[in-house]
C-alpha atoms as a PDB file:
ATOM      1  CA  UNK A   1     109.705  56.389  92.729  1.00  0.00           C
ATOM      2  CA  UNK A   2     109.097  55.539  96.403  1.00  0.00           C
ATOM      3  CA  UNK A   3     109.442  59.249  97.265  1.00  0.00           C
ATOM      4  CA  UNK A   4     106.694  60.147  94.770  1.00  0.00           C
ATOM      5  CA  UNK A   5     104.483  57.376  96.161  1.00  0.00           C
ATOM      6  CA  UNK A   6     104.962  58.692  99.706  1.00  0.00           C
ATOM      7  CA  UNK A   7     104.037  62.209  98.565  1.00  0.00           C
ATOM      8  CA  UNK A   8     100.949  60.949  96.784  1.00  0.00           C
ATOM      9  CA  UNK A   9      99.890  58.832  99.758  1.00  0.00           C
ATOM     10  CA  UNK A  10     100.305  61.733 102.191  1.00  0.00           C
ATOM     11  CA  UNK A  11      98.120  64.005 100.076  1.00  0.00           C
ATOM     12  CA  UNK A  12      95.650  61.628  98.519  1.00  0.00           C
ATOM     13  CA  UNK A  13      95.179  59.000 101.269  1.00  0.00           C
ATOM     14  CA  UNK A  14      92.650  56.528  99.811  1.00  0.00           C
ATOM     15  CA  UNK A  15      92.763  57.950  96.264  1.00  0.00           C
ATOM     16  CA  UNK A  16      89.278  59.459  96.118  1.00  0.00           C
ATOM     17  CA  UNK A  17      90.460  63.068  96.094  1.00  0.00           C
ATOM     18  CA  UNK A  18      92.467  62.683  92.911  1.00  0.00           C
ATOM     19  CA  UNK A  19      89.673  60.657  91.322  1.00  0.00           C
ATOM     20  CA  UNK A  20      87.184  63.453  91.980  1.00  0.00           C
ATOM     21  CA  UNK A  21      89.727  65.979  90.667  1.00  0.00           C
ATOM     22  CA  UNK A  22      90.062  64.076  87.372  1.00  0.00           C
ATOM     23  CA  UNK A  23      86.264  63.768  87.073  1.00  0.00           C
ATOM     24  CA  UNK A  24      85.803  67.487  87.734  1.00  0.00           C
ATOM     25  CA  UNK A  25      88.555  68.330  85.237  1.00  0.00           C
ATOM     26  CA  UNK A  26      86.911  66.217  82.518  1.00  0.00           C
ATOM     27  CA  UNK A  27      83.496  67.739  83.219  1.00  0.00           C
ATOM     28  CA  UNK A  28      84.923  71.233  82.751  1.00  0.00           C
ATOM     29  CA  UNK A  29      86.771  70.312  79.553  1.00  0.00           C
ATOM     30  CA  UNK A  30      83.730  68.580  78.014  1.00  0.00           C
ATOM     31  CA  UNK A  31      80.782  70.653  79.282  1.00  0.00           C
ATOM     32  CA  UNK A  32      82.131  74.181  79.807  1.00  0.00           C
ATOM     33  CA  UNK A  33      81.516  76.438  76.782  1.00  0.00           C
ATOM     34  CA  UNK A  34      83.426  79.522  77.900  1.00  0.00           C
ATOM     35  CA  UNK A  35      87.071  79.247  76.936  1.00  0.00           C
ATOM     36  CA  UNK A  36      88.248  81.546  79.711  1.00  0.00           C
ATOM     37  CA  UNK A  37      86.700  79.264  82.343  1.00  0.00           C
ATOM     38  CA  UNK A  38      88.381  76.242  80.821  1.00  0.00           C
ATOM     39  CA  UNK A  39      91.732  78.015  80.938  1.00  0.00           C
ATOM     40  CA  UNK A  40      91.316  79.139  84.551  1.00  0.00           C
ATOM     41  CA  UNK A  41      89.994  75.888  85.996  1.00  0.00           C
ATOM     42  CA  UNK A  42      91.275  73.123  83.728  1.00  0.00           C
ATOM     43  CA  UNK A  43      94.326  74.262  81.762  1.00  0.00           C
ATOM     44  CA  UNK A  44      96.113  76.540  84.234  1.00  0.00           C
ATOM     45  CA  UNK A  45      97.739  73.682  86.158  1.00  0.00           C
ATOM     46  CA  UNK A  46      98.082  71.072  83.418  1.00  0.00           C
ATOM     47  CA  UNK A  47     101.880  70.887  83.797  1.00  0.00           C
ATOM     48  CA  UNK A  48     101.933  70.339  87.576  1.00  0.00           C
ATOM     49  CA  UNK A  49     101.157  66.593  87.490  1.00  0.00           C
ATOM     50  CA  UNK A  50     104.110  66.198  85.114  1.00  0.00           C
ATOM     51  CA  UNK A  51     106.305  67.643  87.875  1.00  0.00           C
ATOM     52  CA  UNK A  52     104.611  66.138  90.926  1.00  0.00           C
ATOM     53  CA  UNK A  53     104.446  62.604  89.503  1.00  0.00           C
ATOM     54  CA  UNK A  54     107.886  62.736  87.871  1.00  0.00           C
ATOM     55  CA  UNK A  55     110.283  60.115  89.358  1.00  0.00           C
ATOM     56  CA  UNK A  56     113.269  62.285  88.397  1.00  0.00           C
ATOM     57  CA  UNK A  57     111.903  65.152  90.495  1.00  0.00           C
ATOM     58  CA  UNK A  58     111.422  62.687  93.342  1.00  0.00           C
ATOM     59  CA  UNK A  59     115.058  61.579  93.064  1.00  0.00           C
ATOM     60  CA  UNK A  60     116.242  65.189  93.249  1.00  0.00           C
ATOM     61  CA  UNK A  61     114.072  65.978  96.273  1.00  0.00           C
ATOM     62  CA  UNK A  62     115.247  62.816  97.992  1.00  0.00           C
ATOM     63  CA  UNK A  63     118.891  63.689  97.318  1.00  0.00           C
ATOM     64  CA  UNK A  64     118.279  67.129  98.828  1.00  0.00           C
ATOM     65  CA  UNK A  65     116.910  65.334 101.909  1.00  0.00           C
ATOM     66  CA  UNK A  66     113.580  67.210 101.777  1.00  0.00           C
ATOM     67  CA  UNK A  67     111.055  65.267 103.844  1.00  0.00           C
ATOM     68  CA  UNK A  68     107.873  64.180 102.011  1.00  0.00           C
ATOM     69  CA  UNK A  69     105.581  65.587 104.722  1.00  0.00           C
ATOM     70  CA  UNK A  70     107.006  69.042 103.982  1.00  0.00           C
ATOM     71  CA  UNK A  71     107.167  68.723 100.211  1.00  0.00           C
ATOM     72  CA  UNK A  72     103.574  67.513  99.980  1.00  0.00           C
ATOM     73  CA  UNK A  73     102.583  71.188 100.065  1.00  0.00           C
ATOM     74  CA  UNK A  74     103.376  71.416  96.338  1.00  0.00           C
ATOM     75  CA  UNK A  75     100.047  69.655  95.814  1.00  0.00           C
ATOM     76  CA  UNK A  76      98.405  72.820  97.102  1.00  0.00           C
ATOM     77  CA  UNK A  77      99.295  74.382  93.749  1.00  0.00           C
ATOM     78  CA  UNK A  78      96.702  72.157  92.133  1.00  0.00           C
ATOM     79  CA  UNK A  79      93.258  73.850  92.124  1.00  0.00           C
ATOM     80  CA  UNK A  80      91.765  70.574  93.317  1.00  0.00           C
ATOM     81  CA  UNK A  81      88.769  71.736  95.312  1.00  0.00           C
ATOM     82  CA  UNK A  82      87.855  74.513  92.892  1.00  0.00           C
ATOM     83  CA  UNK A  83      87.908  72.088  89.974  1.00  0.00           C
ATOM     84  CA  UNK A  84      85.774  69.513  91.800  1.00  0.00           C
ATOM     85  CA  UNK A  85      83.242  72.135  92.887  1.00  0.00           C
ATOM     86  CA  UNK A  86      83.021  73.850  89.498  1.00  0.00           C
ATOM     87  CA  UNK A  87      82.893  70.578  87.557  1.00  0.00           C
ATOM     88  CA  UNK A  88      80.013  69.255  89.655  1.00  0.00           C
ATOM     89  CA  UNK A  89      78.235  72.623  89.410  1.00  0.00           C
ATOM     90  CA  UNK A  90      78.375  72.470  85.615  1.00  0.00           C
ATOM     91  CA  UNK A  91      77.022  68.908  85.709  1.00  0.00           C
ATOM     92  CA  UNK A  92      74.087  69.989  87.892  1.00  0.00           C
ATOM     93  CA  UNK A  93      73.309  72.971  85.655  1.00  0.00           C
ATOM     94  CA  UNK A  94      73.414  70.844  82.499  1.00  0.00           C
ATOM     95  CA  UNK A  95      71.131  68.255  84.100  1.00  0.00           C
ATOM     96  CA  UNK A  96      68.704  70.970  85.179  1.00  0.00           C
ATOM     97  CA  UNK A  97      68.521  72.257  81.634  1.00  0.00           C
ATOM     98  CA  UNK A  98      67.245  68.827  80.580  1.00  0.00           C
ATOM     99  CA  UNK A  99      64.707  68.503  83.399  1.00  0.00           C
ATOM    100  CA  UNK A 100      64.445  70.390  86.647  1.00  0.00           C
ATOM    101  CA  UNK A 101      63.994  67.281  88.784  1.00  0.00           C
ATOM    102  CA  UNK A 102      67.052  65.743  87.140  1.00  0.00           C
ATOM    103  CA  UNK A 103      69.196  68.687  88.276  1.00  0.00           C
ATOM    104  CA  UNK A 104      67.930  68.258  91.839  1.00  0.00           C
ATOM    105  CA  UNK A 105      68.663  64.540  91.733  1.00  0.00           C
ATOM    106  CA  UNK A 106      72.202  65.056  90.400  1.00  0.00           C
ATOM    107  CA  UNK A 107      72.880  67.700  93.061  1.00  0.00           C
ATOM    108  CA  UNK A 108      71.752  65.321  95.821  1.00  0.00           C
ATOM    109  CA  UNK A 109      73.892  62.529  94.398  1.00  0.00           C
ATOM    110  CA  UNK A 110      76.927  64.822  94.150  1.00  0.00           C
ATOM    111  CA  UNK A 111      76.518  65.949  97.764  1.00  0.00           C
ATOM    112  CA  UNK A 112      76.057  62.340  98.893  1.00  0.00           C
ATOM    113  CA  UNK A 113      79.276  61.286  97.137  1.00  0.00           C
ATOM    114  CA  UNK A 114      81.255  64.149  98.698  1.00  0.00           C
ATOM    115  CA  UNK A 115      79.919  63.326 102.152  1.00  0.00           C
ATOM    116  CA  UNK A 116      80.594  59.620 101.711  1.00  0.00           C
ATOM    117  CA  UNK A 117      84.209  59.914 100.492  1.00  0.00           C
ATOM    118  CA  UNK A 118      85.124  62.898 102.689  1.00  0.00           C
ATOM    119  CA  UNK A 119      86.390  62.914 106.248  1.00  0.00           C
ATOM    120  CA  UNK A 120      84.531  64.814 108.967  1.00  0.00           C
ATOM    121  CA  UNK A 121      86.439  67.645 110.621  1.00  0.00           C
ATOM    122  CA  UNK A 122      84.610  67.500 113.934  1.00  0.00           C
ATOM    123  CA  UNK A 123      85.608  64.148 115.459  1.00  0.00           C
ATOM    124  CA  UNK A 124      86.583  62.861 118.886  1.00  0.00           C
ATOM    125  CA  UNK A 125      90.199  62.808 117.740  1.00  0.00           C
ATOM    126  CA  UNK A 126      90.255  66.445 116.604  1.00  0.00           C
ATOM    127  CA  UNK A 127      88.126  67.993 119.325  1.00  0.00           C
ATOM    128  CA  UNK A 128      88.512  67.070 122.982  1.00  0.00           C
ATOM    129  CA  UNK A 129      86.740  68.769 125.856  1.00  0.00           C
ATOM    130  CA  UNK A 130      89.107  71.070 127.757  1.00  0.00           C
ATOM    131  CA  UNK A 131      90.127  69.822 131.176  1.00  0.00           C
ATOM    132  CA  UNK A 132      91.663  73.140 132.270  1.00  0.00           C
ATOM    133  CA  UNK A 133      91.368  76.863 131.570  1.00  0.00           C
ATOM    134  CA  UNK A 134      94.657  76.884 129.685  1.00  0.00           C
ATOM    135  CA  UNK A 135      93.327  74.462 127.049  1.00  0.00           C
ATOM    136  CA  UNK A 136      96.569  72.496 127.306  1.00  0.00           C
ATOM    137  CA  UNK A 137      97.315  68.826 128.043  1.00  0.00           C
ATOM    138  CA  UNK A 138      97.186  68.105 131.767  1.00  0.00           C
ATOM    139  CA  UNK A 139     100.597  66.410 131.643  1.00  0.00           C
ATOM    140  CA  UNK A 140     102.248  69.650 130.490  1.00  0.00           C
ATOM    141  CA  UNK A 141     100.825  71.630 133.405  1.00  0.00           C
ATOM    142  CA  UNK A 142     101.739  68.992 135.982  1.00  0.00           C
ATOM    143  CA  UNK A 143     105.283  68.516 134.629  1.00  0.00           C
ATOM    144  CA  UNK A 144     106.001  72.257 134.618  1.00  0.00           C
ATOM    145  CA  UNK A 145     104.498  72.714 138.094  1.00  0.00           C
ATOM    146  CA  UNK A 146     106.637  69.925 139.567  1.00  0.00           C
ATOM    147  CA  UNK A 147     109.809  71.313 137.968  1.00  0.00           C
ATOM    148  CA  UNK A 148     109.022  74.820 139.233  1.00  0.00           C
ATOM    149  CA  UNK A 149     108.348  73.497 142.734  1.00  0.00           C
ATOM    150  CA  UNK A 150     111.595  71.537 142.789  1.00  0.00           C
ATOM    151  CA  UNK A 151     113.578  74.539 141.554  1.00  0.00           C
ATOM    152  CA  UNK A 152     111.901  76.933 144.004  1.00  0.00           C
ATOM    153  CA  UNK A 153     112.897  74.563 146.814  1.00  0.00           C
ATOM    154  CA  UNK A 154     116.525  75.245 145.916  1.00  0.00           C
ATOM    155  CA  UNK A 155     117.274  71.694 144.764  1.00  0.00           C
ATOM    156  CA  UNK A 156     118.773  72.752 141.433  1.00  0.00           C
ATOM    157  CA  UNK A 157     120.935  75.628 140.235  1.00  0.00           C
ATOM    158  CA  UNK A 158     119.269  75.771 136.795  1.00  0.00           C
ATOM    159  CA  UNK A 159     115.648  75.650 135.674  1.00  0.00           C
ATOM    160  CA  UNK A 160     116.439  75.006 132.000  1.00  0.00           C
ATOM    161  CA  UNK A 161     114.599  71.873 130.864  1.00  0.00           C
ATOM    162  CA  UNK A 162     114.973  69.201 128.191  1.00  0.00           C
ATOM    163  CA  UNK A 163     111.539  67.788 127.301  1.00  0.00           C
ATOM    164  CA  UNK A 164     110.051  65.465 124.675  1.00  0.00           C
ATOM    165  CA  UNK A 165     108.780  67.467 121.724  1.00  0.00           C
ATOM    166  CA  UNK A 166     105.110  66.787 122.520  1.00  0.00           C
ATOM    167  CA  UNK A 167     105.581  68.606 125.841  1.00  0.00           C
ATOM    168  CA  UNK A 168     108.064  71.263 124.736  1.00  0.00           C
ATOM    169  CA  UNK A 169     105.694  72.801 122.184  1.00  0.00           C
ATOM    170  CA  UNK A 170     103.158  73.506 124.958  1.00  0.00           C
ATOM    171  CA  UNK A 171     105.293  74.236 128.035  1.00  0.00           C
ATOM    172  CA  UNK A 172     105.982  77.883 127.223  1.00  0.00           C
ATOM    173  CA  UNK A 173     102.291  78.452 126.543  1.00  0.00           C
ATOM    174  CA  UNK A 174     101.564  77.508 130.127  1.00  0.00           C
ATOM    175  CA  UNK A 175     104.557  79.242 131.757  1.00  0.00           C
ATOM    176  CA  UNK A 176     106.477  81.684 129.576  1.00  0.00           C
ATOM    177  CA  UNK A 177     109.269  81.955 132.122  1.00  0.00           C
ATOM    178  CA  UNK A 178     110.348  78.319 131.765  1.00  0.00           C
ATOM    179  CA  UNK A 179     113.687  78.179 129.895  1.00  0.00           C
ATOM    180  CA  UNK A 180     113.629  75.278 127.430  1.00  0.00           C
ATOM    181  CA  UNK A 181     116.655  73.896 125.607  1.00  0.00           C
ATOM    182  CA  UNK A 182     114.512  73.817 122.457  1.00  0.00           C
ATOM    183  CA  UNK A 183     110.919  74.463 121.486  1.00  0.00           C
ATOM    184  CA  UNK A 184     109.459  73.251 118.223  1.00  0.00           C
ATOM    185  CA  UNK A 185     112.948  73.179 116.680  1.00  0.00           C
ATOM    186  CA  UNK A 186     116.497  73.462 118.096  1.00  0.00           C
ATOM    187  CA  UNK A 187     118.358  76.762 117.696  1.00  0.00           C
ATOM    188  CA  UNK A 188     121.945  75.463 117.739  1.00  0.00           C
ATOM    189  CA  UNK A 189     123.859  72.413 116.561  1.00  0.00           C
ATOM    190  CA  UNK A 190     124.501  71.377 120.177  1.00  0.00           C
ATOM    191  CA  UNK A 191     120.828  71.466 121.106  1.00  0.00           C
ATOM    192  CA  UNK A 192     120.050  69.768 117.785  1.00  0.00           C
ATOM    193  CA  UNK A 193     122.035  66.703 118.882  1.00  0.00           C
ATOM    194  CA  UNK A 194     119.877  66.337 121.996  1.00  0.00           C
ATOM    195  CA  UNK A 195     116.716  67.152 120.010  1.00  0.00           C
ATOM    196  CA  UNK A 196     117.525  64.265 117.644  1.00  0.00           C
ATOM    197  CA  UNK A 197     118.442  61.890 120.479  1.00  0.00           C
ATOM    198  CA  UNK A 198     115.128  62.599 122.225  1.00  0.00           C
ATOM    199  CA  UNK A 199     113.255  61.645 119.076  1.00  0.00           C
ATOM    200  CA  UNK A 200     114.725  58.151 118.726  1.00  0.00           C
ATOM    201  CA  UNK A 201     112.739  55.057 119.700  1.00  0.00           C
ATOM    202  CA  UNK A 202     115.558  54.067 122.067  1.00  0.00           C
ATOM    203  CA  UNK A 203     116.875  56.854 124.300  1.00  0.00           C
ATOM    204  CA  UNK A 204     120.608  57.036 124.991  1.00  0.00           C
ATOM    205  CA  UNK A 205     120.366  58.578 128.453  1.00  0.00           C
ATOM    206  CA  UNK A 206     124.095  59.119 128.803  1.00  0.00           C
ATOM    207  CA  UNK A 207     124.309  61.161 125.598  1.00  0.00           C
ATOM    208  CA  UNK A 208     121.218  63.190 126.533  1.00  0.00           C
ATOM    209  CA  UNK A 209     122.308  63.782 130.130  1.00  0.00           C
ATOM    210  CA  UNK A 210     125.885  64.738 129.198  1.00  0.00           C
ATOM    211  CA  UNK A 211     124.700  67.126 126.484  1.00  0.00           C
ATOM    212  CA  UNK A 212     122.056  68.677 128.720  1.00  0.00           C
ATOM    213  CA  UNK A 213     124.542  69.267 131.549  1.00  0.00           C
ATOM    214  CA  UNK A 214     127.048  70.772 129.135  1.00  0.00           C
ATOM    215  CA  UNK A 215     124.413  73.255 127.950  1.00  0.00           C
ATOM    216  CA  UNK A 216     123.451  74.270 131.469  1.00  0.00           C
ATOM    217  CA  UNK A 217     120.217  72.331 131.893  1.00  0.00           C
ATOM    218  CA  UNK A 218     118.950  71.454 135.353  1.00  0.00           C
ATOM    219  CA  UNK A 219     116.065  69.148 134.458  1.00  0.00           C
ATOM    220  CA  UNK A 220     115.351  66.311 132.068  1.00  0.00           C
ATOM    221  CA  UNK A 221     111.957  64.784 131.185  1.00  0.00           C
ATOM    222  CA  UNK A 222     111.901  61.389 129.467  1.00  0.00           C
ATOM    223  CA  UNK A 223     109.158  59.183 128.045  1.00  0.00           C
ATOM    224  CA  UNK A 224     109.206  56.002 130.151  1.00  0.00           C
ATOM    225  CA  UNK A 225     107.475  54.050 127.372  1.00  0.00           C
ATOM    226  CA  UNK A 226     110.594  54.336 125.229  1.00  0.00           C
ATOM    227  CA  UNK A 227     113.480  51.938 125.660  1.00  0.00           C
ATOM    228  CA  UNK A 228     116.425  53.459 127.534  1.00  0.00           C
ATOM    229  CA  UNK A 229     120.071  52.484 127.241  1.00  0.00           C
ATOM    230  CA  UNK A 230     123.364  53.614 128.767  1.00  0.00           C
ATOM    231  CA  UNK A 231     121.761  54.800 132.004  1.00  0.00           C
ATOM    232  CA  UNK A 232     123.946  57.513 133.613  1.00  0.00           C
ATOM    233  CA  UNK A 233     125.245  57.280 137.176  1.00  0.00           C
ATOM    234  CA  UNK A 234     122.820  58.131 139.975  1.00  0.00           C
ATOM    235  CA  UNK A 235     125.172  60.911 141.028  1.00  0.00           C
ATOM    236  CA  UNK A 236     124.529  62.569 137.654  1.00  0.00           C
ATOM    237  CA  UNK A 237     120.716  62.314 137.462  1.00  0.00           C
ATOM    238  CA  UNK A 238     118.071  61.951 140.156  1.00  0.00           C
ATOM    239  CA  UNK A 239     114.480  60.955 139.449  1.00  0.00           C
ATOM    240  CA  UNK A 240     112.249  63.106 141.641  1.00  0.00           C
ATOM    241  CA  UNK A 241     108.762  62.714 140.156  1.00  0.00           C
ATOM    242  CA  UNK A 242     106.565  60.938 137.624  1.00  0.00           C
ATOM    243  CA  UNK A 243     103.657  62.328 135.622  1.00  0.00           C
ATOM    244  CA  UNK A 244     101.796  59.688 133.663  1.00  0.00           C
ATOM    245  CA  UNK A 245     104.343  58.097 131.363  1.00  0.00           C
ATOM    246  CA  UNK A 246     106.920  60.857 131.898  1.00  0.00           C
ATOM    247  CA  UNK A 247     109.864  60.570 134.306  1.00  0.00           C
ATOM    248  CA  UNK A 248     111.253  63.810 135.714  1.00  0.00           C
ATOM    249  CA  UNK A 249     114.979  63.925 136.472  1.00  0.00           C
ATOM    250  CA  UNK A 250     117.130  66.486 138.217  1.00  0.00           C
ATOM    251  CA  UNK A 251     120.557  66.901 136.636  1.00  0.00           C
ATOM    252  CA  UNK A 252     123.287  67.186 139.250  1.00  0.00           C
END
């Protein structure tokens, strides 16, 4: 049941979306006179909640080790926004048939509710003014530039880099020639071990360094805000630069 709750929380957040969906569904069922519209908007997805909210389905998905943040996409099968929009439209039209001013009032109230319970798309968190022409985080550019400069100086035999995921997904956008051990996802089981180790709250530097050297990497970038354990010998790794919270190491 916890799996189903996680799915519901990821999709529904504070619960208002599903509440509006149920209200819109009831408005269509009660007020809509055309049967075909009822079938399309209200009855076409009646069985989906029986699947989505079924604890047995949650147990199966959990056994298959399918992460909730991926499986939450099944909620997209519900015609949520169409039902809310059409249900409120019917309510406005029915109110207008009674009195014109009443339809206007209901429309304004419906819009006010949607604005109040919704979340704005344009926020400081979603939109940040670009600080460079590449439209990439400054840390990515500085990290890649320092690694390139160190490699061009002949201080390493390999330019292949192991980076935290938040840097790796952008590095190739800035410099397509930079060889990364992995991008958004690892390609091999060996790189997958390092990918997983880099994602832990506590970094096992020995495991990461040994694996990176074995796979021919010359550089390693670590998040200094994470706890580190099993520090490798200085002869194996050399810190040569820092960029914000990131430590840049040369693998020897």
